[in-house]
PDB file of all heavy atoms in Angstrom:
ATOM      1  N   ALA A   1      37.921 -10.413  -5.740  1.00  0.00           N
ATOM      2  CA  ALA A   1      39.277 -10.040  -5.385  1.00  0.00           C
ATOM      3  C   ALA A   1      40.208 -11.241  -5.333  1.00  0.00           C
ATOM      4  O   ALA A   1      41.396 -11.136  -5.672  1.00  0.00           O
ATOM      5  CB  ALA A   1      39.288  -9.321  -4.015  1.00  0.00           C
ATOM      6  N   SER A   2      39.655 -12.391  -4.981  1.00  0.00           N
ATOM      7  CA  SER A   2      40.482 -13.608  -4.943  1.00  0.00           C
ATOM      8  C   SER A   2      40.954 -13.998  -6.333  1.00  0.00           C
ATOM      9  O   SER A   2      41.913 -14.760  -6.479  1.00  0.00           O
ATOM     10  CB  SER A   2      39.690 -14.756  -4.286  1.00  0.00           C
ATOM     11  OG  SER A   2      38.608 -15.140  -5.110  1.00  0.00           O
ATOM     12  N   HIS A   3      40.251 -13.512  -7.364  1.00  0.00           N
ATOM     13  CA  HIS A   3      40.647 -13.789  -8.754  1.00  0.00           C
ATOM     14  C   HIS A   3      41.375 -12.592  -9.374  1.00  0.00           C
ATOM     15  O   HIS A   3      41.583 -12.552 -10.574  1.00  0.00           O
ATOM     16  CB  HIS A   3      39.425 -14.127  -9.590  1.00  0.00           C
ATOM     17  CG  HIS A   3      38.778 -15.416  -9.201  1.00  0.00           C
ATOM     18  ND1 HIS A   3      37.805 -15.488  -8.227  1.00  0.00           N
ATOM     19  CD2 HIS A   3      38.947 -16.705  -9.641  1.00  0.00           C
ATOM     20  CE1 HIS A   3      37.404 -16.753  -8.084  1.00  0.00           C
ATOM     21  NE2 HIS A   3      38.090 -17.491  -8.927  1.00  0.00           N
ATOM     22  N   GLY A   4      41.706 -11.628  -8.520  1.00  0.00           N
ATOM     23  CA  GLY A   4      42.481 -10.469  -9.013  1.00  0.00           C
ATOM     24  C   GLY A   4      41.664  -9.441  -9.757  1.00  0.00           C
ATOM     25  O   GLY A   4      42.211  -8.581 -10.412  1.00  0.00           O
ATOM     26  N   ASP A   5      40.316  -9.486  -9.607  1.00  0.00           N
ATOM     27  CA  ASP A   5      39.476  -8.538 -10.369  1.00  0.00           C
ATOM     28  C   ASP A   5      39.096  -7.303  -9.552  1.00  0.00           C
ATOM     29  O   ASP A   5      38.552  -6.344 -10.101  1.00  0.00           O
ATOM     30  CB  ASP A   5      38.197  -9.235 -10.826  1.00  0.00           C
ATOM     31  CG  ASP A   5      38.477 -10.347 -11.810  1.00  0.00           C
ATOM     32  OD1 ASP A   5      39.448 -10.207 -12.561  1.00  0.00           O
ATOM     33  OD2 ASP A   5      37.719 -11.350 -11.813  1.00  0.00           O
ATOM     34  N   ALA A   6      39.309  -7.288  -8.249  1.00  0.00           N
ATOM     35  CA  ALA A   6      38.883  -6.178  -7.434  1.00  0.00           C
ATOM     36  C   ALA A   6      39.669  -6.173  -6.116  1.00  0.00           C
ATOM     37  O   ALA A   6      40.275  -7.165  -5.757  1.00  0.00           O
ATOM     38  CB  ALA A   6      37.364  -6.254  -7.159  1.00  0.00           C
ATOM     39  N   ARG A   7      39.594  -5.051  -5.420  1.00  0.00           N
ATOM     40  CA  ARG A   7      40.264  -4.974  -4.149  1.00  0.00           C
ATOM     41  C   ARG A   7      39.426  -5.698  -3.080  1.00  0.00           C
ATOM     42  O   ARG A   7      38.227  -5.556  -3.003  1.00  0.00           O
ATOM     43  CB  ARG A   7      40.426  -3.497  -3.744  1.00  0.00           C
ATOM     44  CG  ARG A   7      41.276  -3.311  -2.500  1.00  0.00           C
ATOM     45  CD  ARG A   7      41.434  -1.844  -2.179  1.00  0.00           C
ATOM     46  NE  ARG A   7      40.161  -1.202  -1.898  1.00  0.00           N
ATOM     47  CZ  ARG A   7      40.011   0.065  -1.647  1.00  0.00           C
ATOM     48  NH1 ARG A   7      41.069   0.865  -1.664  1.00  0.00           N
ATOM     49  NH2 ARG A   7      38.830   0.580  -1.360  1.00  0.00           N
ATOM     50  N   ALA A   8      40.111  -6.454  -2.250  1.00  0.00           N
ATOM     51  CA  ALA A   8      39.415  -7.267  -1.227  1.00  0.00           C
ATOM     52  C   ALA A   8      38.816  -6.338  -0.164  1.00  0.00           C
ATOM     53  O   ALA A   8      39.301  -5.248   0.120  1.00  0.00           O
ATOM     54  CB  ALA A   8      40.390  -8.241  -0.579  1.00  0.00           C
ATOM     55  N   VAL A   9      37.722  -6.805   0.452  1.00  0.00           N
ATOM     56  CA  VAL A   9      37.147  -6.149   1.610  1.00  0.00           C
ATOM     57  C   VAL A   9      38.088  -6.366   2.781  1.00  0.00           C
ATOM     58  O   VAL A   9      38.485  -7.497   3.076  1.00  0.00           O
ATOM     59  CB  VAL A   9      35.749  -6.683   1.907  1.00  0.00           C
ATOM     60  CG1 VAL A   9      35.152  -5.984   3.122  1.00  0.00           C
ATOM     61  CG2 VAL A   9      34.837  -6.488   0.692  1.00  0.00           C
ATOM     62  N   SER A  10      38.459  -5.281   3.502  1.00  0.00           N
ATOM     63  CA  SER A  10      39.457  -5.404   4.553  1.00  0.00           C
ATOM     64  C   SER A  10      38.878  -6.065   5.787  1.00  0.00           C
ATOM     65  O   SER A  10      37.638  -6.158   5.946  1.00  0.00           O
ATOM     66  CB  SER A  10      40.002  -4.007   4.927  1.00  0.00           C
ATOM     67  OG  SER A  10      38.993  -3.240   5.559  1.00  0.00           O
ATOM     68  N   ALA A  11      39.779  -6.495   6.687  1.00  0.00           N
ATOM     69  CA  ALA A  11      39.334  -7.132   7.943  1.00  0.00           C
ATOM     70  C   ALA A  11      38.512  -6.144   8.792  1.00  0.00           C
ATOM     71  O   ALA A  11      37.521  -6.532   9.409  1.00  0.00           O
ATOM     72  CB  ALA A  11      40.551  -7.627   8.734  1.00  0.00           C
ATOM     73  N   ARG A  12      38.928  -4.866   8.786  1.00  0.00           N
ATOM     74  CA  ARG A  12      38.166  -3.862   9.546  1.00  0.00           C
ATOM     75  C   ARG A  12      36.746  -3.714   8.967  1.00  0.00           C
ATOM     76  O   ARG A  12      35.773  -3.579   9.709  1.00  0.00           O
ATOM     77  CB  ARG A  12      38.898  -2.516   9.508  1.00  0.00           C
ATOM     78  CG  ARG A  12      38.130  -1.368  10.114  1.00  0.00           C
ATOM     79  CD  ARG A  12      38.953  -0.079  10.113  1.00  0.00           C
ATOM     80  NE  ARG A  12      39.486   0.223   8.791  1.00  0.00           N
ATOM     81  CZ  ARG A  12      38.769   0.787   7.820  1.00  0.00           C
ATOM     82  NH1 ARG A  12      37.494   1.043   8.008  1.00  0.00           N
ATOM     83  NH2 ARG A  12      39.331   1.048   6.670  1.00  0.00           N
ATOM     84  N   GLN A  13      36.648  -3.719   7.627  1.00  0.00           N
ATOM     85  CA  GLN A  13      35.335  -3.617   7.013  1.00  0.00           C
ATOM     86  C   GLN A  13      34.476  -4.839   7.301  1.00  0.00           C
ATOM     87  O   GLN A  13      33.263  -4.715   7.545  1.00  0.00           O
ATOM     88  CB  GLN A  13      35.474  -3.400   5.498  1.00  0.00           C
ATOM     89  CG  GLN A  13      36.002  -2.012   5.146  1.00  0.00           C
ATOM     90  CD  GLN A  13      36.189  -1.829   3.666  1.00  0.00           C
ATOM     91  OE1 GLN A  13      36.742  -2.680   2.989  1.00  0.00           O
ATOM     92  NE2 GLN A  13      35.669  -0.742   3.123  1.00  0.00           N
ATOM     93  N   TRP A  14      35.074  -6.031   7.297  1.00  0.00           N
ATOM     94  CA  TRP A  14      34.324  -7.228   7.660  1.00  0.00           C
ATOM     95  C   TRP A  14      33.817  -7.129   9.095  1.00  0.00           C
ATOM     96  O   TRP A  14      32.692  -7.517   9.396  1.00  0.00           O
ATOM     97  CB  TRP A  14      35.218  -8.472   7.517  1.00  0.00           C
ATOM     98  CG  TRP A  14      35.188  -9.064   6.145  1.00  0.00           C
ATOM     99  CD1 TRP A  14      36.229  -9.146   5.259  1.00  0.00           C
ATOM    100  CD2 TRP A  14      34.083  -9.658   5.463  1.00  0.00           C
ATOM    101  NE1 TRP A  14      35.841  -9.758   4.088  1.00  0.00           N
ATOM    102  CE2 TRP A  14      34.534 -10.071   4.178  1.00  0.00           C
ATOM    103  CE3 TRP A  14      32.729  -9.867   5.808  1.00  0.00           C
ATOM    104  CZ2 TRP A  14      33.689 -10.684   3.261  1.00  0.00           C
ATOM    105  CZ3 TRP A  14      31.908 -10.477   4.889  1.00  0.00           C
ATOM    106  CH2 TRP A  14      32.370 -10.881   3.642  1.00  0.00           C
ATOM    107  N   LEU A  15      34.657  -6.607  10.011  1.00  0.00           N
ATOM    108  CA  LEU A  15      34.201  -6.422  11.385  1.00  0.00           C
ATOM    109  C   LEU A  15      33.009  -5.468  11.432  1.00  0.00           C
ATOM    110  O   LEU A  15      32.025  -5.711  12.159  1.00  0.00           O
ATOM    111  CB  LEU A  15      35.372  -5.879  12.250  1.00  0.00           C
ATOM    112  CG  LEU A  15      35.012  -5.506  13.696  1.00  0.00           C
ATOM    113  CD1 LEU A  15      34.519  -6.742  14.465  1.00  0.00           C
ATOM    114  CD2 LEU A  15      36.223  -4.878  14.390  1.00  0.00           C
ATOM    115  N   GLY A  16      33.101  -4.388  10.673  1.00  0.00           N
ATOM    116  CA  GLY A  16      31.992  -3.459  10.614  1.00  0.00           C
ATOM    117  C   GLY A  16      30.713  -4.070  10.069  1.00  0.00           C
ATOM    118  O   GLY A  16      29.602  -3.840  10.570  1.00  0.00           O
ATOM    119  N   LEU A  17      30.847  -4.891   9.034  1.00  0.00           N
ATOM    120  CA  LEU A  17      29.690  -5.566   8.444  1.00  0.00           C
ATOM    121  C   LEU A  17      29.051  -6.522   9.443  1.00  0.00           C
ATOM    122  O   LEU A  17      27.810  -6.583   9.555  1.00  0.00           O
ATOM    123  CB  LEU A  17      30.121  -6.312   7.180  1.00  0.00           C
ATOM    124  CG  LEU A  17      30.505  -5.434   5.975  1.00  0.00           C
ATOM    125  CD1 LEU A  17      31.233  -6.248   4.922  1.00  0.00           C
ATOM    126  CD2 LEU A  17      29.239  -4.808   5.379  1.00  0.00           C
ATOM    127  N   VAL A  18      29.872  -7.270  10.190  1.00  0.00           N
ATOM    128  CA  VAL A  18      29.332  -8.197  11.173  1.00  0.00           C
ATOM    129  C   VAL A  18      28.657  -7.438  12.315  1.00  0.00           C
ATOM    130  O   VAL A  18      27.565  -7.793  12.770  1.00  0.00           O
ATOM    131  CB  VAL A  18      30.448  -9.121  11.717  1.00  0.00           C
ATOM    132  CG1 VAL A  18      29.954  -9.948  12.891  1.00  0.00           C
ATOM    133  CG2 VAL A  18      30.978 -10.029  10.621  1.00  0.00           C
ATOM    134  N   LEU A  19      29.300  -6.350  12.776  1.00  0.00           N
ATOM    135  CA  LEU A  19      28.680  -5.515  13.820  1.00  0.00           C
ATOM    136  C   LEU A  19      27.335  -4.946  13.352  1.00  0.00           C
ATOM    137  O   LEU A  19      26.352  -4.932  14.096  1.00  0.00           O
ATOM    138  CB  LEU A  19      29.628  -4.378  14.196  1.00  0.00           C
ATOM    139  CG  LEU A  19      30.506  -4.546  15.422  1.00  0.00           C
ATOM    140  CD1 LEU A  19      31.358  -3.275  15.607  1.00  0.00           C
ATOM    141  CD2 LEU A  19      29.679  -4.794  16.657  1.00  0.00           C
ATOM    142  N   GLY A  20      27.342  -4.456  12.118  1.00  0.00           N
ATOM    143  CA  GLY A  20      26.097  -3.900  11.589  1.00  0.00           C
ATOM    144  C   GLY A  20      24.992  -4.935  11.494  1.00  0.00           C
ATOM    145  O   GLY A  20      23.833  -4.647  11.838  1.00  0.00           O
ATOM    146  N   LEU A  21      25.336  -6.144  11.057  1.00  0.00           N
ATOM    147  CA  LEU A  21      24.330  -7.209  10.966  1.00  0.00           C
ATOM    148  C   LEU A  21      23.825  -7.598  12.346  1.00  0.00           C
ATOM    149  O   LEU A  21      22.607  -7.822  12.550  1.00  0.00           O
ATOM    150  CB  LEU A  21      24.920  -8.409  10.256  1.00  0.00           C
ATOM    151  CG  LEU A  21      23.977  -9.593  10.004  1.00  0.00           C
ATOM    152  CD1 LEU A  21      22.822  -9.154   9.130  1.00  0.00           C
ATOM    153  CD2 LEU A  21      24.725 -10.744   9.342  1.00  0.00           C
ATOM    154  N   GLY A  22      24.740  -7.663  13.347  1.00  0.00           N
ATOM    155  CA  GLY A  22      24.313  -7.974  14.682  1.00  0.00           C
ATOM    156  C   GLY A  22      23.394  -6.919  15.278  1.00  0.00           C
ATOM    157  O   GLY A  22      22.376  -7.210  15.895  1.00  0.00           O
ATOM    158  N   GLY A  23      23.741  -5.658  15.048  1.00  0.00           N
ATOM    159  CA  GLY A  23      22.875  -4.566  15.517  1.00  0.00           C
ATOM    160  C   GLY A  23      21.542  -4.571  14.823  1.00  0.00           C
ATOM    161  O   GLY A  23      20.486  -4.333  15.441  1.00  0.00           O
ATOM    162  N   LEU A  24      21.543  -4.848  13.544  1.00  0.00           N
ATOM    163  CA  LEU A  24      20.298  -4.958  12.763  1.00  0.00           C
ATOM    164  C   LEU A  24      19.400  -6.047  13.368  1.00  0.00           C
ATOM    165  O   LEU A  24      18.203  -5.842  13.539  1.00  0.00           O
ATOM    166  CB  LEU A  24      20.636  -5.258  11.330  1.00  0.00           C
ATOM    167  CG  LEU A  24      19.472  -5.406  10.353  1.00  0.00           C
ATOM    168  CD1 LEU A  24      18.681  -4.132  10.235  1.00  0.00           C
ATOM    169  CD2 LEU A  24      20.016  -5.808   8.994  1.00  0.00           C
ATOM    170  N   ALA A  25      19.983  -7.182  13.693  1.00  0.00           N
ATOM    171  CA  ALA A  25      19.192  -8.279  14.258  1.00  0.00           C
ATOM    172  C   ALA A  25      18.585  -7.890  15.587  1.00  0.00           C
ATOM    173  O   ALA A  25      17.425  -8.203  15.891  1.00  0.00           O
ATOM    174  CB  ALA A  25      20.073  -9.523  14.403  1.00  0.00           C
ATOM    175  N   LEU A  26      19.345  -7.181  16.440  1.00  0.00           N
ATOM    176  CA  LEU A  26      18.817  -6.737  17.723  1.00  0.00           C
ATOM    177  C   LEU A  26      17.616  -5.803  17.558  1.00  0.00           C
ATOM    178  O   LEU A  26      16.655  -5.866  18.310  1.00  0.00           O
ATOM    179  CB  LEU A  26      19.903  -6.043  18.538  1.00  0.00           C
ATOM    180  CG  LEU A  26      20.932  -6.925  19.254  1.00  0.00           C
ATOM    181  CD1 LEU A  26      21.965  -6.062  19.955  1.00  0.00           C
ATOM    182  CD2 LEU A  26      20.242  -7.835  20.263  1.00  0.00           C
ATOM    183  N   VAL A  27      17.690  -4.941  16.566  1.00  0.00           N
ATOM    184  CA  VAL A  27      16.644  -3.936  16.365  1.00  0.00           C
ATOM    185  C   VAL A  27      15.335  -4.607  15.919  1.00  0.00           C
ATOM    186  O   VAL A  27      14.252  -4.305  16.404  1.00  0.00           O
ATOM    187  CB  VAL A  27      17.080  -2.867  15.348  1.00  0.00           C
ATOM    188  CG1 VAL A  27      15.905  -1.975  14.950  1.00  0.00           C
ATOM    189  CG2 VAL A  27      18.184  -2.014  15.959  1.00  0.00           C
ATOM    190  N   VAL A  28      15.440  -5.520  14.968  1.00  0.00           N
ATOM    191  CA  VAL A  28      14.214  -6.069  14.338  1.00  0.00           C
ATOM    192  C   VAL A  28      13.825  -7.432  14.882  1.00  0.00           C
ATOM    193  O   VAL A  28      12.772  -7.950  14.522  1.00  0.00           O
ATOM    194  CB  VAL A  28      14.362  -6.134  12.817  1.00  0.00           C
ATOM    195  CG1 VAL A  28      14.693  -4.778  12.236  1.00  0.00           C
ATOM    196  CG2 VAL A  28      15.452  -7.149  12.424  1.00  0.00           C
ATOM    197  N   TRP A  29      14.634  -8.023  15.780  1.00  0.00           N
ATOM    198  CA  TRP A  29      14.348  -9.397  16.201  1.00  0.00           C
ATOM    199  C   TRP A  29      12.982  -9.525  16.872  1.00  0.00           C
ATOM    200  O   TRP A  29      12.263 -10.500  16.695  1.00  0.00           O
ATOM    201  CB  TRP A  29      15.456  -9.886  17.150  1.00  0.00           C
ATOM    202  CG  TRP A  29      15.344 -11.344  17.460  1.00  0.00           C
ATOM    203  CD1 TRP A  29      14.836 -11.905  18.608  1.00  0.00           C
ATOM    204  CD2 TRP A  29      15.737 -12.407  16.616  1.00  0.00           C
ATOM    205  NE1 TRP A  29      14.898 -13.267  18.515  1.00  0.00           N
ATOM    206  CE2 TRP A  29      15.456 -13.601  17.319  1.00  0.00           C
ATOM    207  CE3 TRP A  29      16.330 -12.486  15.342  1.00  0.00           C
ATOM    208  CZ2 TRP A  29      15.745 -14.861  16.766  1.00  0.00           C
ATOM    209  CZ3 TRP A  29      16.603 -13.731  14.811  1.00  0.00           C
ATOM    210  CH2 TRP A  29      16.307 -14.888  15.519  1.00  0.00           C
ATOM    211  N   ARG A  30      12.613  -8.499  17.681  1.00  0.00           N
ATOM    212  CA  ARG A  30      11.334  -8.580  18.382  1.00  0.00           C
ATOM    213  C   ARG A  30      10.139  -8.549  17.413  1.00  0.00           C
ATOM    214  O   ARG A  30       9.027  -8.917  17.773  1.00  0.00           O
ATOM    215  CB  ARG A  30      11.205  -7.432  19.363  1.00  0.00           C
ATOM    216  CG  ARG A  30      11.015  -6.087  18.698  1.00  0.00           C
ATOM    217  CD  ARG A  30      10.721  -4.986  19.703  1.00  0.00           C
ATOM    218  NE  ARG A  30      10.299  -3.772  19.017  1.00  0.00           N
ATOM    219  CZ  ARG A  30       9.050  -3.541  18.647  1.00  0.00           C
ATOM    220  NH1 ARG A  30       8.107  -4.419  18.877  1.00  0.00           N
ATOM    221  NH2 ARG A  30       8.755  -2.395  18.027  1.00  0.00           N
ATOM    222  N   LYS A  31      10.384  -8.103  16.177  1.00  0.00           N
ATOM    223  CA  LYS A  31       9.297  -8.010  15.192  1.00  0.00           C
ATOM    224  C   LYS A  31       9.023  -9.343  14.524  1.00  0.00           C
ATOM    225  O   LYS A  31       8.070  -9.457  13.731  1.00  0.00           O
ATOM    226  CB  LYS A  31       9.649  -6.948  14.144  1.00  0.00           C
ATOM    227  CG  LYS A  31       9.727  -5.522  14.681  1.00  0.00           C
ATOM    228  CD  LYS A  31      10.173  -4.579  13.581  1.00  0.00           C
ATOM    229  CE  LYS A  31      10.200  -3.149  14.075  1.00  0.00           C
ATOM    230  NZ  LYS A  31       8.854  -2.588  14.248  1.00  0.00           N
ATOM    231  N   LEU A  32       9.855 -10.349  14.753  1.00  0.00           N
ATOM    232  CA  LEU A  32       9.671 -11.620  14.095  1.00  0.00           C
ATOM    233  C   LEU A  32       8.531 -12.383  14.777  1.00  0.00           C
ATOM    234  O   LEU A  32       8.725 -13.193  15.667  1.00  0.00           O
ATOM    235  CB  LEU A  32      10.968 -12.438  14.130  1.00  0.00           C
ATOM    236  CG  LEU A  32      12.194 -11.777  13.476  1.00  0.00           C
ATOM    237  CD1 LEU A  32      13.393 -12.685  13.571  1.00  0.00           C
ATOM    238  CD2 LEU A  32      11.890 -11.436  12.038  1.00  0.00           C
ATOM    239  N   GLY A  33       7.310 -12.081  14.367  1.00  0.00           N
ATOM    240  CA  GLY A  33       6.134 -12.689  14.983  1.00  0.00           C
ATOM    241  C   GLY A  33       5.964 -14.142  14.555  1.00  0.00           C
ATOM    242  O   GLY A  33       6.313 -14.555  13.469  1.00  0.00           O
ATOM    243  N   ALA A  34       5.422 -14.938  15.480  1.00  0.00           N
ATOM    244  CA  ALA A  34       5.198 -16.352  15.208  1.00  0.00           C
ATOM    245  C   ALA A  34       4.125 -16.490  14.111  1.00  0.00           C
ATOM    246  O   ALA A  34       3.094 -15.848  14.132  1.00  0.00           O
ATOM    247  CB  ALA A  34       4.752 -17.064  16.463  1.00  0.00           C
ATOM    248  N   GLY A  35       4.402 -17.362  13.159  1.00  0.00           N
ATOM    249  CA  GLY A  35       3.435 -17.690  12.124  1.00  0.00           C
ATOM    250  C   GLY A  35       3.397 -16.723  10.947  1.00  0.00           C
ATOM    251  O   GLY A  35       2.624 -16.940  10.021  1.00  0.00           O
ATOM    252  N   GLU A  36       4.203 -15.668  10.985  1.00  0.00           N
ATOM    253  CA  GLU A  36       4.134 -14.694   9.900  1.00  0.00           C
ATOM    254  C   GLU A  36       4.963 -15.090   8.683  1.00  0.00           C
ATOM    255  O   GLU A  36       4.808 -14.522   7.608  1.00  0.00           O
ATOM    256  CB  GLU A  36       4.582 -13.326  10.378  1.00  0.00           C
ATOM    257  CG  GLU A  36       6.082 -13.194  10.615  1.00  0.00           C
ATOM    258  CD  GLU A  36       6.510 -11.790  10.953  1.00  0.00           C
ATOM    259  OE1 GLU A  36       5.742 -11.082  11.610  1.00  0.00           O
ATOM    260  OE2 GLU A  36       7.635 -11.422  10.563  1.00  0.00           O
ATOM    261  N   VAL A  37       5.868 -16.065   8.846  1.00  0.00           N
ATOM    262  CA  VAL A  37       6.783 -16.438   7.783  1.00  0.00           C
ATOM    263  C   VAL A  37       6.256 -17.653   7.049  1.00  0.00           C
ATOM    264  O   VAL A  37       5.892 -18.665   7.655  1.00  0.00           O
ATOM    265  CB  VAL A  37       8.186 -16.723   8.350  1.00  0.00           C
ATOM    266  CG1 VAL A  37       9.099 -17.256   7.263  1.00  0.00           C
ATOM    267  CG2 VAL A  37       8.786 -15.456   8.967  1.00  0.00           C
ATOM    268  N   THR A  38       6.208 -17.550   5.733  1.00  0.00           N
ATOM    269  CA  THR A  38       5.799 -18.645   4.875  1.00  0.00           C
ATOM    270  C   THR A  38       6.870 -18.806   3.769  1.00  0.00           C
ATOM    271  O   THR A  38       7.600 -17.849   3.484  1.00  0.00           O
ATOM    272  CB  THR A  38       4.449 -18.414   4.233  1.00  0.00           C
ATOM    273  OG1 THR A  38       4.523 -17.319   3.309  1.00  0.00           O
ATOM    274  CG2 THR A  38       3.359 -18.115   5.288  1.00  0.00           C
ATOM    275  N   PRO A  39       6.927 -19.959   3.109  1.00  0.00           N
ATOM    276  CA  PRO A  39       7.900 -20.101   2.026  1.00  0.00           C
ATOM    277  C   PRO A  39       7.702 -19.046   0.937  1.00  0.00           C
ATOM    278  O   PRO A  39       8.696 -18.565   0.352  1.00  0.00           O
ATOM    279  CB  PRO A  39       7.593 -21.515   1.495  1.00  0.00           C
ATOM    280  CG  PRO A  39       7.061 -22.239   2.688  1.00  0.00           C
ATOM    281  CD  PRO A  39       6.260 -21.222   3.433  1.00  0.00           C
ATOM    282  N   LEU A  40       6.447 -18.636   0.664  1.00  0.00           N
ATOM    283  CA  LEU A  40       6.204 -17.664  -0.381  1.00  0.00           C
ATOM    284  C   LEU A  40       6.729 -16.287  -0.013  1.00  0.00           C
ATOM    285  O   LEU A  40       7.468 -15.648  -0.800  1.00  0.00           O
ATOM    286  CB  LEU A  40       4.702 -17.581  -0.679  1.00  0.00           C
ATOM    287  CG  LEU A  40       4.284 -16.490  -1.700  1.00  0.00           C
ATOM    288  CD1 LEU A  40       4.971 -16.732  -3.037  1.00  0.00           C
ATOM    289  CD2 LEU A  40       2.759 -16.456  -1.846  1.00  0.00           C
ATOM    290  N   ASN A  41       6.383 -15.757   1.185  1.00  0.00           N
ATOM    291  CA  ASN A  41       6.811 -14.411   1.487  1.00  0.00           C
ATOM    292  C   ASN A  41       8.315 -14.305   1.755  1.00  0.00           C
ATOM    293  O   ASN A  41       8.946 -13.296   1.460  1.00  0.00           O
ATOM    294  CB  ASN A  41       5.998 -13.770   2.613  1.00  0.00           C
ATOM    295  CG  ASN A  41       6.026 -14.564   3.899  1.00  0.00           C
ATOM    296  OD1 ASN A  41       7.033 -15.166   4.253  1.00  0.00           O
ATOM    297  ND2 ASN A  41       4.913 -14.517   4.652  1.00  0.00           N
ATOM    298  N   VAL A  42       8.928 -15.399   2.253  1.00  0.00           N
ATOM    299  CA  VAL A  42      10.378 -15.400   2.398  1.00  0.00           C
ATOM    300  C   VAL A  42      11.043 -15.389   1.029  1.00  0.00           C
ATOM    301  O   VAL A  42      12.029 -14.703   0.797  1.00  0.00           O
ATOM    302  CB  VAL A  42      10.857 -16.605   3.238  1.00  0.00           C
ATOM    303  CG1 VAL A  42      12.352 -16.772   3.140  1.00  0.00           C
ATOM    304  CG2 VAL A  42      10.441 -16.428   4.694  1.00  0.00           C
ATOM    305  N   ALA A  43      10.499 -16.175   0.095  1.00  0.00           N
ATOM    306  CA  ALA A  43      11.060 -16.210  -1.244  1.00  0.00           C
ATOM    307  C   ALA A  43      10.960 -14.820  -1.905  1.00  0.00           C
ATOM    308  O   ALA A  43      11.886 -14.379  -2.596  1.00  0.00           O
ATOM    309  CB  ALA A  43      10.318 -17.241  -2.104  1.00  0.00           C
ATOM    310  N   LEU A  44       9.846 -14.119  -1.691  1.00  0.00           N
ATOM    311  CA  LEU A  44       9.693 -12.780  -2.248  1.00  0.00           C
ATOM    312  C   LEU A  44      10.696 -11.808  -1.647  1.00  0.00           C
ATOM    313  O   LEU A  44      11.282 -10.977  -2.349  1.00  0.00           O
ATOM    314  CB  LEU A  44       8.270 -12.283  -2.026  1.00  0.00           C
ATOM    315  CG  LEU A  44       7.172 -12.981  -2.833  1.00  0.00           C
ATOM    316  CD1 LEU A  44       5.784 -12.619  -2.307  1.00  0.00           C
ATOM    317  CD2 LEU A  44       7.279 -12.591  -4.307  1.00  0.00           C
TER     318      LEU A  44
END
């Protein structure tokens, strides 16, 4: 949109996206077990 190719995402939509991401983190944060993350599985 900054190059005139598409309509920009509105401020309200950005607020919704941030709220959704925050809620998503709250839901799944407890599932982040210690030692389960490796460079390979994160890359996948």
